[in-house]
C-alpha cells in the first residue's frame, strides 16, 4: 500500500496532499498583496524570483553569489562625452592584480562580455577595457561587499567604402589604411593597413588620415576624417579608375598569345604594373599609359588611355 493511502470499507481512500511549500508561500504572498492593495510581484504565482532592478545608469548591481573569501566585481563601459551611452559590443576585458612587492601586474581574469561579472579575492586591481584600437583603464579597490564600476572610453567607430561614380567597389577589390597624423605628416603613425569595406574600425576619438587602394596598382585616394566619441562615422572614397584587360594579339579582336609578359608604364617611363599571362586584368587610375608586351624575344608596345569607370580590353598588335 502506498504512503498516504487508507483502507476504509473496501475502498482505498487517499489522504489529501498538502500543496508544496513553494506554492503555499506563493499563496500567502498573494493574500498579503491583496490585503495591502499592492500589485503582485512578477513571478510570485509560480514561485520564481522577481527580476532584479537595474541601477539608474543601466548596470546590474552585484548579487551576493560570490564564493567564501571572494567578492563580486561587475563591470561595464560607456562612451565618454556626449550622452555617455553604454558600449554593447566589441569589448575585451582584462583584470590585472597589483603586487605588493612592486613587480609587474599580472592578468587574473579576462572576458569579452559587454557587462562581465568576476569573482575575485578582495584587493586592488587594474581594470582594462579594450574597444578595438581604443581603451580605458581604471584602478579599483574590491571590498568584501563587491563593487560595480563603469569604465569611460573616448572612442567611436569608422566604416569605409569606395565607389566609381555611383557604383560601389566590391569589398574584395579595395582596402584601406588608417593613419594618425603627426606633426604635419598625414601618415605619421599607421593604425591598420588592411581594413575592408564595411568593416567597423573602432578608434579613439580624433582625426585620422585614410588611404584607399583600389586594386593593387596606382588607383589610390586619400581623405582626412574625424571620429567622434560614441558615433559611427561613415565615409565613401570616390576613385577615378577602371579595370583593363591586357592582350597581345596578331590582329584586332584576335586570340591572345599565352605566356606574354606585360609592363604598364607612365609616359615618363615609370613602371606601374607588371603581369604575365594571356589576358591579365589590371586596375589603373585614370590617365595615359604605355603598354609593353614581350613574347618569345620580341617586344611590342602600345599607348592607351584609361577613363574612369570604363572597363575595356587593351590590345597590343604583334607586328
Protein backbone atom coordinates (compact mmCIF):
# COMPACT_ATOMS: atom_id res chain seq x y z
CA UNK A 1 0.00 0.00 0.00
CA UNK A 2 1.34 3.44 -0.94
CA UNK A 3 2.14 6.04 1.68
CA UNK A 4 -0.82 8.30 2.45
CA UNK A 5 -3.46 5.69 1.47
CA UNK A 6 -6.14 4.45 3.93
CA UNK A 7 -8.36 1.34 3.66
CA UNK A 8 -11.97 2.08 4.60
CA UNK A 9 -14.97 -0.14 3.75
CA UNK A 10 -13.19 -1.94 0.94
CA UNK A 11 -12.34 1.32 -0.78
CA UNK A 12 -8.90 2.82 -0.86
CA UNK A 13 -9.11 6.48 0.01
CA UNK A 14 -6.10 8.74 -0.48
CA UNK A 15 -5.43 11.41 2.09
CA UNK A 16 -5.49 14.89 0.59
CA UNK A 17 -1.96 16.01 -0.23
CA UNK A 18 -0.60 19.29 1.05
CA UNK A 19 0.50 21.68 -1.67
CA UNK A 20 4.26 22.12 -1.97
CA UNK A 21 5.83 24.68 0.34
CA UNK A 22 6.69 26.81 -2.71
CA UNK A 23 3.00 27.06 -3.71
CA UNK A 24 1.88 27.68 -0.14
CA UNK A 25 4.36 30.54 0.07
CA UNK A 26 3.09 31.97 -3.22
CA UNK A 27 -0.47 31.77 -1.91
CA UNK A 28 0.43 33.60 1.28
CA UNK A 29 2.21 36.23 -0.80
CA UNK A 30 -0.88 36.69 -2.98
CA UNK A 31 -3.12 37.11 0.07
CA UNK A 32 -0.76 39.62 1.61
CA UNK A 33 -0.61 41.58 -1.64
CA UNK A 34 -4.41 41.66 -1.82
CA UNK A 35 -4.69 42.86 1.78
CA UNK A 36 -2.24 45.65 1.15
CA UNK A 37 -3.82 46.50 -2.23
CA UNK A 38 -0.44 46.22 -3.89
CA UNK A 39 0.28 44.62 -7.28
CA UNK A 40 1.61 41.10 -7.08
CA UNK A 41 5.35 40.98 -7.90
CA UNK A 42 6.24 39.29 -11.17
CA UNK A 43 6.85 35.56 -10.74
CA UNK A 44 5.15 35.25 -7.34
CA UNK A 45 2.45 32.89 -8.60
CA UNK A 46 4.97 30.46 -9.97
CA UNK A 47 7.43 30.74 -7.14
CA UNK A 48 10.02 32.37 -9.43
CA UNK A 49 12.25 35.16 -8.17
CA UNK A 50 11.21 38.59 -9.42
CA UNK A 51 13.64 40.22 -11.87
CA UNK A 52 16.40 42.26 -10.25
CA UNK A 53 16.22 46.02 -10.57
CA UNK A 54 18.72 47.91 -12.71
CA UNK A 55 20.71 50.77 -11.26
CA UNK A 56 19.93 54.24 -12.73
CA UNK A 57 22.95 54.03 -15.04
CA UNK A 58 21.70 50.80 -16.59
CA UNK A 59 24.16 48.38 -14.98
CA UNK A 60 23.19 45.35 -12.93
CA UNK A 61 24.37 45.71 -9.31
CA UNK A 62 26.45 42.91 -7.81
CA UNK A 63 24.46 39.96 -6.50
CA UNK A 64 25.53 38.09 -3.36
CA UNK A 65 26.69 34.97 -5.17
CA UNK A 66 30.46 35.23 -4.59
CA UNK A 67 32.21 32.27 -3.02
CA UNK A 68 33.50 32.48 0.56
CA UNK A 69 36.63 34.64 0.77
CA UNK A 70 35.87 36.28 -2.58
CA UNK A 71 33.81 39.23 -3.80
CA UNK A 72 31.89 40.09 -6.95
CA UNK A 73 33.16 42.68 -9.42
CA UNK A 74 30.58 43.81 -12.01
CA UNK A 75 31.86 45.93 -14.90
CA UNK A 76 30.56 47.95 -17.81
CA UNK A 77 31.92 50.50 -20.26
CA UNK A 78 30.43 53.66 -21.71
CA UNK A 79 31.40 56.22 -24.31
CA UNK A 80 32.89 59.31 -22.72
CA UNK A 81 31.41 62.64 -23.65
CA UNK A 82 28.04 63.31 -25.21
CA UNK A 83 25.26 61.13 -23.81
CA UNK A 84 27.70 58.59 -22.39
CA UNK A 85 25.86 55.64 -23.90
CA UNK A 86 26.84 52.15 -22.69
CA UNK A 87 29.04 50.11 -25.04
CA UNK A 88 27.16 46.98 -26.00
CA UNK A 89 29.73 45.01 -28.03
CA UNK A 90 33.35 44.82 -29.17
CA UNK A 91 34.86 44.90 -25.67
CA UNK A 92 37.79 42.86 -24.38
CA UNK A 93 38.28 42.96 -20.60
CA UNK A 94 41.46 42.20 -18.69
CA UNK A 95 41.73 42.28 -14.91
CA UNK A 96 45.24 42.70 -13.51
CA UNK A 97 46.22 42.28 -9.89
CA UNK A 98 48.60 44.71 -8.19
CA UNK A 99 51.50 43.06 -6.39
CA UNK A 100 52.83 44.13 -3.00
CA UNK A 101 56.47 43.58 -3.98
CA UNK A 102 56.43 46.10 -6.83
CA UNK A 103 56.56 43.52 -9.63
CA UNK A 104 54.56 43.97 -12.81
CA UNK A 105 50.79 43.38 -12.58
CA UNK A 106 49.57 40.03 -13.87
CA UNK A 107 46.33 39.18 -15.66
CA UNK A 108 43.98 37.25 -13.39
CA UNK A 109 40.77 37.31 -15.46
CA UNK A 110 39.52 38.03 -19.00
CA UNK A 111 36.16 38.42 -20.69
CA UNK A 112 34.54 39.56 -23.93
CA UNK A 113 31.08 40.11 -22.42
CA UNK A 114 29.65 43.65 -22.52
CA UNK A 115 28.92 43.55 -18.75
CA UNK A 116 31.13 40.85 -17.21
CA UNK A 117 30.99 39.67 -13.59
CA UNK A 118 34.19 38.44 -11.94
CA UNK A 119 34.54 36.59 -8.63
CA UNK A 120 37.88 37.58 -7.11
CA UNK A 121 39.56 37.88 -3.72
CA UNK A 122 39.20 41.37 -2.21
CA UNK A 123 42.10 43.63 -3.15
CA UNK A 124 43.29 46.31 -5.56
CA UNK A 125 43.01 45.62 -9.29
CA UNK A 126 43.65 47.35 -12.60
CA UNK A 127 40.67 47.05 -14.94
CA UNK A 128 41.49 47.41 -18.64
CA UNK A 129 38.75 47.58 -21.27
CA UNK A 130 39.85 47.45 -24.93
CA UNK A 131 37.46 48.65 -27.63
CA UNK A 132 39.22 48.00 -30.91
CA UNK A 133 42.16 50.42 -31.04
CA UNK A 134 40.77 52.42 -28.11
CA UNK A 135 40.84 51.51 -24.44
CA UNK A 136 40.17 52.65 -20.89
CA UNK A 137 41.88 51.71 -17.61
CA UNK A 138 40.79 52.21 -14.02
CA UNK A 139 42.28 51.24 -10.65
CA UNK A 140 39.61 49.78 -8.38
CA UNK A 141 39.55 48.54 -4.79
CA UNK A 142 37.39 45.42 -4.42
CA UNK A 143 35.99 45.04 -0.92
CA UNK A 144 34.12 42.09 0.63
CA UNK A 145 30.80 43.70 -0.26
CA UNK A 146 31.63 43.72 -4.00
CA UNK A 147 31.76 46.60 -6.44
CA UNK A 148 30.17 47.87 -9.68
CA UNK A 149 32.30 50.01 -11.97
CA UNK A 150 31.88 51.76 -15.32
CA UNK A 151 34.93 52.44 -17.48
CA UNK A 152 34.69 55.53 -19.72
CA UNK A 153 36.26 55.10 -23.17
CA UNK A 154 36.78 58.04 -25.52
CA UNK A 155 36.09 56.17 -28.74
CA UNK A 156 33.96 55.96 -31.85
CA UNK A 157 33.97 53.85 -35.00
CA UNK A 158 34.76 54.27 -38.67
CA UNK A 159 33.08 52.44 -41.57
CA UNK A 160 34.66 52.92 -45.02
CA UNK A 161 33.61 52.22 -48.59
CA UNK A 162 34.76 53.03 -52.11
CA UNK A 163 33.00 53.82 -55.38
CA UNK A 164 33.49 54.58 -59.06
CA UNK A 165 30.99 57.33 -59.71
CA UNK A 166 27.77 55.97 -58.18
CA UNK A 167 28.86 52.32 -58.46
CA UNK A 168 30.17 50.76 -55.22
CA UNK A 169 33.51 48.99 -55.45
CA UNK A 170 33.29 45.33 -54.34
CA UNK A 171 34.77 44.78 -50.89
CA UNK A 172 37.28 42.25 -52.22
CA UNK A 173 38.84 44.78 -54.61
CA UNK A 174 39.52 47.62 -52.19
CA UNK A 175 41.40 48.05 -48.92
CA UNK A 176 42.02 50.94 -46.55
CA UNK A 177 44.95 52.11 -44.46
CA UNK A 178 44.25 54.36 -41.46
CA UNK A 179 46.90 56.71 -40.08
CA UNK A 180 47.19 59.16 -37.18
CA UNK A 181 48.68 62.45 -38.45
CA UNK A 182 51.77 63.56 -36.52
CA UNK A 183 53.44 67.00 -36.69
CA UNK A 184 52.32 67.85 -40.21
CA UNK A 185 52.83 64.30 -41.53
CA UNK A 186 49.42 62.96 -42.56
CA UNK A 187 50.74 59.39 -42.44
CA UNK A 188 52.62 59.79 -39.17
CA UNK A 189 51.53 56.60 -37.40
CA UNK A 190 49.88 53.58 -39.02
CA UNK A 191 46.83 52.18 -37.23
CA UNK A 192 45.79 49.49 -39.72
CA UNK A 193 46.91 48.70 -43.27
CA UNK A 194 44.27 46.21 -44.39
CA UNK A 195 40.82 47.38 -43.31
CA UNK A 196 38.00 46.11 -45.51
CA UNK A 197 34.99 47.94 -46.91
CA UNK A 198 32.11 47.89 -44.45
CA UNK A 199 34.30 46.77 -41.56
CA UNK A 200 33.70 48.57 -38.27
CA UNK A 201 37.03 50.09 -37.22
CA UNK A 202 36.88 51.05 -33.53
CA UNK A 203 39.16 54.02 -32.85
CA UNK A 204 39.91 56.62 -30.18
CA UNK A 205 38.16 59.92 -30.76
CA UNK A 206 40.26 62.15 -33.02
CA UNK A 207 41.45 62.99 -36.54
CA UNK A 208 42.68 60.34 -38.99
CA UNK A 209 44.09 60.11 -42.49
CA UNK A 210 42.66 57.33 -44.69
CA UNK A 211 44.33 55.90 -47.80
CA UNK A 212 42.07 53.85 -50.09
CA UNK A 213 43.68 51.46 -52.61
CA UNK A 214 41.51 50.05 -55.40
CA UNK A 215 43.20 47.00 -56.88
CA UNK A 216 46.96 46.63 -56.47
CA UNK A 217 48.37 49.31 -58.74
CA UNK A 218 48.03 53.09 -58.63
CA UNK A 219 44.29 53.64 -58.08
CA UNK A 220 44.63 55.45 -54.73
CA UNK A 221 42.51 58.06 -52.96
CA UNK A 222 43.10 59.88 -49.67
CA UNK A 223 40.87 61.65 -47.17
CA UNK A 224 41.08 63.29 -43.73
CA UNK A 225 38.31 62.06 -41.43
CA UNK A 226 37.36 62.83 -37.83
CA UNK A 227 35.93 60.18 -35.48
CA UNK A 228 33.56 61.42 -32.77
CA UNK A 229 33.04 59.67 -29.44
CA UNK A 230 30.03 57.38 -29.37
CA UNK A 231 29.34 57.73 -33.11
CA UNK A 232 29.93 55.66 -36.24
CA UNK A 233 31.47 57.82 -38.96
CA UNK A 234 30.71 56.50 -42.45
CA UNK A 235 32.88 57.67 -45.36
CA UNK A 236 32.99 56.74 -49.06
CA UNK A 237 36.14 57.48 -51.06
CA UNK A 238 35.45 58.10 -54.75
CA UNK A 239 38.01 56.68 -57.18
CA UNK A 240 38.62 57.67 -60.78
CA UNK A 241 39.87 54.42 -62.23
CA UNK A 242 38.97 51.45 -64.40
CA UNK A 243 39.87 47.81 -64.93
CA UNK A 244 41.66 46.95 -68.18
CA UNK A 245 42.44 43.55 -69.69
CA UNK A 246 45.85 43.33 -71.38
CA UNK A 247 46.23 41.29 -74.59
CA UNK A 248 48.87 40.60 -77.25
CA UNK A 249 47.12 39.66 -80.47
CA UNK A 250 48.03 39.08 -84.12
CA UNK A 251 45.25 41.45 -85.24
CA UNK A 252 42.36 43.43 -83.80
CA UNK A 253 39.96 41.12 -81.97
CA UNK A 254 42.30 38.16 -82.41
CA UNK A 255 43.14 35.42 -79.95
CA UNK A 256 45.54 36.46 -77.17
CA UNK A 257 49.02 34.92 -77.05
CA UNK A 258 49.65 32.88 -73.90
CA UNK A 259 52.65 33.50 -71.66
CA UNK A 260 53.06 37.14 -72.61
CA UNK A 261 54.97 39.41 -70.20
CA UNK A 262 53.34 42.84 -69.84
CA UNK A 263 54.65 46.06 -68.32
CA UNK A 264 52.44 49.12 -67.77
CA UNK A 265 54.44 52.38 -67.72
CA UNK A 266 53.68 56.05 -67.32
CA UNK A 267 54.51 58.29 -70.31
CA UNK A 268 57.67 59.21 -68.39
CA UNK A 269 58.79 55.57 -68.19
CA UNK A 270 57.92 54.71 -64.58
CA UNK A 271 56.72 51.12 -64.17
CA UNK A 272 53.22 50.96 -62.68
CA UNK A 273 52.41 47.25 -63.00
CA UNK A 274 53.85 44.04 -64.42
CA UNK A 275 51.93 40.87 -65.23
CA UNK A 276 52.30 37.60 -67.16
CA UNK A 277 49.56 35.71 -68.96
CA UNK A 278 47.27 35.62 -71.98
CA UNK A 279 44.93 38.35 -70.69
CA UNK A 280 45.78 39.64 -67.20
CA UNK A 281 43.46 42.22 -65.65
CA UNK A 282 44.85 45.39 -64.08
CA UNK A 283 43.09 48.23 -62.23
CA UNK A 284 44.59 51.61 -63.10
CA UNK A 285 43.92 55.20 -62.18
CA UNK A 286 42.54 57.48 -64.86
CA UNK A 287 45.33 58.74 -67.17
CA UNK A 288 47.73 57.96 -70.03
CA UNK A 289 49.94 54.85 -70.17
CA UNK A 290 52.31 52.85 -72.34
CA UNK A 291 51.93 49.07 -72.54
CA UNK A 292 54.97 46.91 -73.32
CA UNK A 293 54.40 43.26 -74.34
CA UNK A 294 57.21 40.68 -74.60
CA UNK A 295 56.70 37.39 -76.40
CA UNK A 296 59.44 34.93 -77.47
CA UNK A 297 62.19 37.56 -77.55
CA UNK A 298 60.10 40.13 -79.39
CA UNK A 299 58.92 43.40 -77.86
CA UNK A 300 55.76 45.27 -78.82
CA UNK A 301 54.29 48.49 -77.44
CA UNK A 302 51.01 50.37 -77.42
CA UNK A 303 49.92 53.68 -75.92
CA UNK A 304 46.49 53.75 -74.28
CA UNK A 305 44.28 55.89 -72.10
CA UNK A 306 42.26 54.89 -69.01
CA UNK A 307 38.92 56.63 -68.48
CA UNK A 308 37.21 56.42 -65.10
CA UNK A 309 34.52 53.73 -64.93
CA UNK A 310 35.20 52.41 -68.45
CA UNK A 311 36.46 48.82 -68.20
CA UNK A 312 37.83 47.54 -71.51
CA UNK A 313 40.43 45.43 -73.34
CA UNK A 314 43.81 46.93 -74.30
CA UNK A 315 45.24 45.12 -77.31
CA UNK A 316 48.86 45.23 -78.46
CA UNK A 317 49.19 44.21 -82.11
CA UNK A 318 52.13 41.86 -82.73
CA UNK A 319 53.67 43.38 -85.83
